[in-house]
């Protein structure tokens, strides 16, 4: 698998979800975690990208979600984001 994206579904607040938002990642995103990384009160996304040996951080800037993307080199074949 060499897909370079993570699809995120945003809740509408009524038990339904919007259509997927595709966020760019490195090759083979295998591990995913969400947390408020920048203290703005919204969840951001971190992916461990197995075959590109990177970790991608995407900051949530709804409604667009992708204002800042950071790619960091990691150890060989990262498999989890915690």
Protein backbone atom coordinates (compact mmCIF):
# COMPACT_ATOMS: atom_id res chain seq x y z
CA UNK A 1 0.00 0.00 0.00
CA UNK A 2 1.47 3.34 -0.99
CA UNK A 3 -1.52 5.60 -0.53
CA UNK A 4 -0.43 9.10 0.47
CA UNK A 5 -3.51 10.37 2.28
CA UNK A 6 -5.70 9.99 5.34
CA UNK A 7 -9.45 10.50 5.00
CA UNK A 8 -11.17 12.32 7.87
CA UNK A 9 -14.93 12.47 8.51
CA UNK A 10 -16.13 15.54 10.41
CA UNK A 11 -19.16 15.14 12.69
CA UNK A 12 -22.19 17.33 11.91
CA UNK A 13 -23.32 17.35 15.55
CA UNK A 14 -26.47 15.32 14.86
CA UNK A 15 -24.99 11.81 14.69
CA UNK A 16 -24.07 12.08 10.99
CA UNK A 17 -20.82 12.90 9.24
CA UNK A 18 -19.80 15.10 6.35
CA UNK A 19 -18.11 13.64 3.31
CA UNK A 20 -14.45 12.71 3.72
CA UNK A 21 -11.68 15.28 3.69
CA UNK A 22 -8.50 13.79 2.21
CA UNK A 23 -5.35 14.98 3.98
CA UNK A 24 -1.90 14.48 2.43
CA UNK A 25 0.54 12.22 4.27
CA UNK A 26 3.74 10.37 3.48
CA UNK A 27 3.78 6.90 1.91
CA UNK A 28 1.71 4.20 3.61
CA UNK A 29 0.20 5.99 6.61
CA UNK A 30 -0.10 3.14 9.09
CA UNK A 31 -0.45 4.77 12.51
CA UNK A 32 -2.76 7.65 13.32
CA UNK A 33 -3.35 9.77 16.43
CA UNK A 34 -5.28 12.94 17.18
CA UNK A 35 -4.63 15.50 19.89
CA UNK A 36 -4.73 19.26 20.36
CA UNK A 37 -1.08 19.86 19.47
CA UNK A 38 -1.11 23.65 19.27
CA UNK A 39 -3.47 24.53 22.13
CA UNK A 40 -6.27 26.00 20.01
CA UNK A 41 -8.98 23.66 21.35
CA UNK A 42 -9.34 21.53 18.21
CA UNK A 43 -7.95 18.08 17.42
CA UNK A 44 -4.97 17.89 15.08
CA UNK A 45 -3.75 14.79 13.25
CA UNK A 46 -0.45 12.87 13.35
CA UNK A 47 0.33 9.99 10.99
CA UNK A 48 3.24 7.56 11.04
CA UNK A 49 4.13 6.93 7.40
CA UNK A 50 5.68 3.49 7.18
CA UNK A 51 7.48 3.34 3.84
CA UNK A 52 8.51 7.01 3.60
CA UNK A 53 10.04 6.93 7.11
CA UNK A 54 8.28 10.15 8.09
CA UNK A 55 5.73 11.47 10.53
CA UNK A 56 3.17 14.01 9.26
CA UNK A 57 1.53 16.60 11.52
CA UNK A 58 -1.60 18.31 10.16
CA UNK A 59 -3.09 21.19 12.17
CA UNK A 60 -6.88 21.48 12.26
CA UNK A 61 -8.04 24.85 10.95
CA UNK A 62 -11.68 23.99 10.20
CA UNK A 63 -13.45 24.36 7.87
CA UNK A 64 -10.40 23.71 5.69
CA UNK A 65 -8.32 21.52 8.07
CA UNK A 66 -5.07 21.78 6.12
CA UNK A 67 -3.40 25.04 6.98
CA UNK A 68 -0.08 23.67 8.17
CA UNK A 69 1.49 20.35 7.32
CA UNK A 70 4.82 19.34 8.78
CA UNK A 71 6.76 16.27 7.71
CA UNK A 72 9.49 14.99 10.01
CA UNK A 73 12.01 12.25 9.34
CA UNK A 74 11.68 9.32 11.70
CA UNK A 75 13.27 6.00 12.49
CA UNK A 76 13.08 3.31 9.88
CA UNK A 77 9.51 2.15 9.14
CA UNK A 78 7.49 4.00 11.80
CA UNK A 79 4.39 2.04 12.69
CA UNK A 80 2.57 4.03 15.37
CA UNK A 81 1.67 7.56 16.37
CA UNK A 82 0.92 7.99 20.06
